[in-house]
Amino acid sequence: MKLKYISWLPAFFMMVIIFYFSSRPVTISNESSASIAEELLNLYETITDNTLQADARSSILAATNHYVRKTAHFMEYALLAMTIAFHMSVIRSNKTRLILVSVLLSALYAASDEFHQTMVPGRGGQIRDVILDTAGAVTGTLLFYYAITLIARIRKNKSTATVK
């Protein structure tokens, strides 16, 4: 019985993390993603043994920063959906309910998060971010569902193999 309530905690913590990141002013948020983009570009230069010229490096860095930010959006919501799907699996929801609830709650949270960002200095809400976040939620939900389905099949095969 307690597990039914405790299993919401990962989703709650993921929502808190998303809220925290969305509450940060754009300058701070951009610094975080820019440092990751910088590290990726440094890694590229090291692997290829190719040092980029300043103007090329600057434009590639800007593009990489954009993709880092969008990937972070996608991953946050993939993880949120997985944590919701985890709860749904704990309460033994059927496949359809697990998928629908995980995706819909994540999409609603994405929409509310974009609205929240309109109140943060330098940030704004964008419908395309809601779409990207929802795509992340769909991906996370399906990955979770396929993982638990695979685990169930493996367990079933092990139990039938030991019975024989």
Protein backbone atom coordinates (compact mmCIF):
# COMPACT_ATOMS: atom_id res chain seq x y z
CA MET A 1 0.00 0.00 0.00
CA LYS A 2 2.77 2.47 0.92
CA LEU A 3 4.64 1.67 -2.30
CA LYS A 4 1.66 3.01 -4.22
CA TYR A 5 2.29 6.46 -2.73
CA ILE A 6 6.07 6.30 -2.52
CA SER A 7 6.30 5.38 -6.20
CA TRP A 8 5.22 8.97 -7.04
CA LEU A 9 8.37 10.37 -5.42
CA PRO A 10 10.68 9.94 -8.45
CA ALA A 11 8.17 11.82 -10.65
CA PHE A 12 7.79 14.52 -8.01
CA PHE A 13 11.58 14.94 -7.75
CA MET A 14 11.87 15.11 -11.53
CA MET A 15 9.20 17.84 -11.59
CA VAL A 16 11.13 19.78 -8.93
CA ILE A 17 14.33 19.48 -10.99
CA ILE A 18 12.57 20.69 -14.14
CA PHE A 19 11.00 23.58 -12.22
CA TYR A 20 14.40 24.53 -10.81
CA PHE A 21 16.05 24.59 -14.24
CA SER A 22 13.15 26.58 -15.68
CA SER A 23 13.37 29.12 -12.87
CA ARG A 24 16.93 30.06 -13.70
CA PRO A 25 17.38 33.28 -15.67
CA VAL A 26 18.38 32.80 -19.29
CA THR A 27 21.95 34.02 -18.69
CA ILE A 28 22.65 31.35 -16.06
CA SER A 29 20.87 28.66 -18.05
CA ASN A 30 22.81 29.60 -21.17
CA GLU A 31 26.13 29.49 -19.29
CA SER A 32 25.44 25.91 -18.22
CA SER A 33 24.61 24.68 -21.71
CA ALA A 34 27.41 26.74 -23.27
CA SER A 35 29.98 25.08 -21.02
CA ILE A 36 28.74 21.65 -22.14
CA ALA A 37 28.84 22.78 -25.78
CA GLU A 38 32.39 24.04 -25.24
CA GLU A 39 33.47 20.68 -23.81
CA LEU A 40 31.89 18.84 -26.75
CA LEU A 41 33.69 21.08 -29.22
CA ASN A 42 36.99 20.60 -27.37
CA LEU A 43 36.43 16.85 -27.50
CA TYR A 44 35.77 17.05 -31.24
CA GLU A 45 38.98 19.02 -31.78
CA THR A 46 40.96 16.52 -29.71
CA ILE A 47 39.56 13.48 -31.49
CA THR A 48 39.97 14.93 -34.97
CA ASP A 49 43.25 16.71 -34.16
CA ASN A 50 41.73 19.71 -35.90
CA THR A 51 41.70 23.17 -34.30
CA LEU A 52 38.88 25.31 -35.67
CA GLN A 53 39.36 28.95 -36.61
CA ALA A 54 37.73 31.49 -34.30
CA ASP A 55 34.81 32.43 -36.56
CA ALA A 56 33.99 28.80 -37.42
CA ARG A 57 34.36 27.81 -33.78
CA SER A 58 31.99 30.57 -32.69
CA SER A 59 29.21 29.58 -35.10
CA ILE A 60 29.63 25.87 -34.37
CA LEU A 61 29.59 26.63 -30.64
CA ALA A 62 26.30 28.55 -31.00
CA ALA A 63 24.70 25.71 -32.95
CA THR A 64 26.01 23.10 -30.51
CA ASN A 65 24.69 25.13 -27.58
CA HIS A 66 21.24 25.16 -29.21
CA TYR A 67 21.28 21.37 -29.62
CA VAL A 68 22.53 20.86 -26.06
CA ARG A 69 19.60 22.92 -24.75
CA LYS A 70 17.05 21.06 -26.88
CA THR A 71 18.52 17.68 -25.97
CA ALA A 72 18.26 18.63 -22.30
CA HIS A 73 14.57 19.48 -22.79
CA PHE A 74 13.97 16.16 -24.51
CA MET A 75 15.83 14.15 -21.85
CA GLU A 76 14.17 15.89 -18.90
CA TYR A 77 10.76 14.93 -20.17
CA ALA A 78 11.82 11.42 -21.19
CA LEU A 79 12.93 10.92 -17.58
CA LEU A 80 9.77 12.51 -16.19
CA ALA A 81 7.60 10.21 -18.29
CA MET A 82 9.65 7.19 -17.21
CA THR A 83 9.14 8.07 -13.55
CA ILE A 84 5.40 8.47 -14.10
CA ALA A 85 5.33 5.17 -16.02
CA PHE A 86 7.17 3.59 -13.09
CA HIS A 87 4.37 4.69 -10.77
CA MET A 88 1.76 3.43 -13.21
CA SER A 89 3.49 0.04 -13.33
CA VAL A 90 3.63 -0.13 -9.53
CA ILE A 91 -0.13 0.33 -9.33
CA ARG A 92 -0.45 -2.27 -12.10
CA SER A 93 -2.06 -0.12 -14.74
CA ASN A 94 -2.70 -1.72 -18.09
CA LYS A 95 -0.55 -0.87 -21.11
CA THR A 96 -2.89 1.76 -22.55
CA ARG A 97 -3.35 3.58 -19.26
CA LEU A 98 0.38 3.48 -18.47
CA ILE A 99 1.25 5.03 -21.83
CA LEU A 100 -1.57 7.60 -21.90
CA VAL A 101 -1.16 8.81 -18.34
CA SER A 102 2.64 9.04 -18.61
CA VAL A 103 2.55 10.99 -21.86
CA LEU A 104 -0.42 13.21 -20.99
CA LEU A 105 0.82 14.19 -17.52
CA SER A 106 4.27 14.93 -18.95
CA ALA A 107 2.76 17.00 -21.78
CA LEU A 108 0.61 18.95 -19.31
CA TYR A 109 3.65 19.59 -17.14
CA ALA A 110 5.58 20.72 -20.23
CA ALA A 111 2.83 23.21 -21.08
CA SER A 112 2.73 24.52 -17.51
CA ASP A 113 6.52 24.74 -17.50
CA GLU A 114 6.54 26.86 -20.65
CA PHE A 115 3.92 29.13 -19.07
CA HIS A 116 6.10 29.35 -15.96
CA GLN A 117 9.07 30.38 -18.12
CA THR A 118 7.14 33.43 -19.34
CA MET A 119 7.51 34.79 -15.80
CA VAL A 120 11.29 34.22 -15.62
CA PRO A 121 13.50 37.16 -16.65
CA GLY A 122 14.83 36.76 -20.18
CA ARG A 123 12.89 33.59 -20.88
CA GLY A 124 9.72 32.87 -22.77
CA GLY A 125 7.37 30.01 -23.40
CA GLN A 126 7.45 28.32 -26.77
CA ILE A 127 4.97 25.83 -28.20
CA ARG A 128 7.76 24.05 -30.07
CA ASP A 129 9.40 23.31 -26.70
CA VAL A 130 6.15 21.74 -25.51
CA ILE A 131 6.16 19.60 -28.67
CA LEU A 132 9.81 18.63 -28.11
CA ASP A 133 9.15 17.86 -24.44
CA THR A 134 6.15 15.73 -25.38
CA ALA A 135 8.27 13.86 -27.94
CA GLY A 136 10.72 13.18 -25.12
CA ALA A 137 7.84 11.96 -22.95
CA VAL A 138 6.61 9.61 -25.69
CA THR A 139 10.13 8.24 -26.14
CA GLY A 140 10.68 7.81 -22.40
CA THR A 141 7.32 6.12 -21.92
CA LEU A 142 7.87 3.70 -24.79
CA LEU A 143 11.41 2.88 -23.63
CA PHE A 144 10.08 2.19 -20.14
CA TYR A 145 7.21 0.07 -21.45
CA TYR A 146 9.48 -1.97 -23.71
CA ALA A 147 12.00 -2.45 -20.88
CA ILE A 148 9.39 -3.79 -18.45
CA THR A 149 7.92 -5.98 -21.20
CA LEU A 150 11.37 -7.41 -21.94
CA ILE A 151 12.05 -8.00 -18.24
CA ALA A 152 8.69 -9.76 -17.86
CA ARG A 153 9.46 -12.04 -20.83
CA ILE A 154 12.90 -12.90 -19.48
CA ARG A 155 11.43 -13.72 -16.06
CA LYS A 156 8.70 -15.82 -17.66
CA ASN A 157 11.24 -17.73 -19.76
CA LYS A 158 13.44 -18.33 -16.70
CA SER A 159 10.53 -19.61 -14.65
CA THR A 160 9.33 -21.97 -17.40
CA ALA A 161 12.90 -23.18 -17.99
CA THR A 162 13.38 -24.06 -14.30
CA VAL A 163 10.02 -25.88 -14.15
CA LYS A 164 10.90 -28.21 -17.03
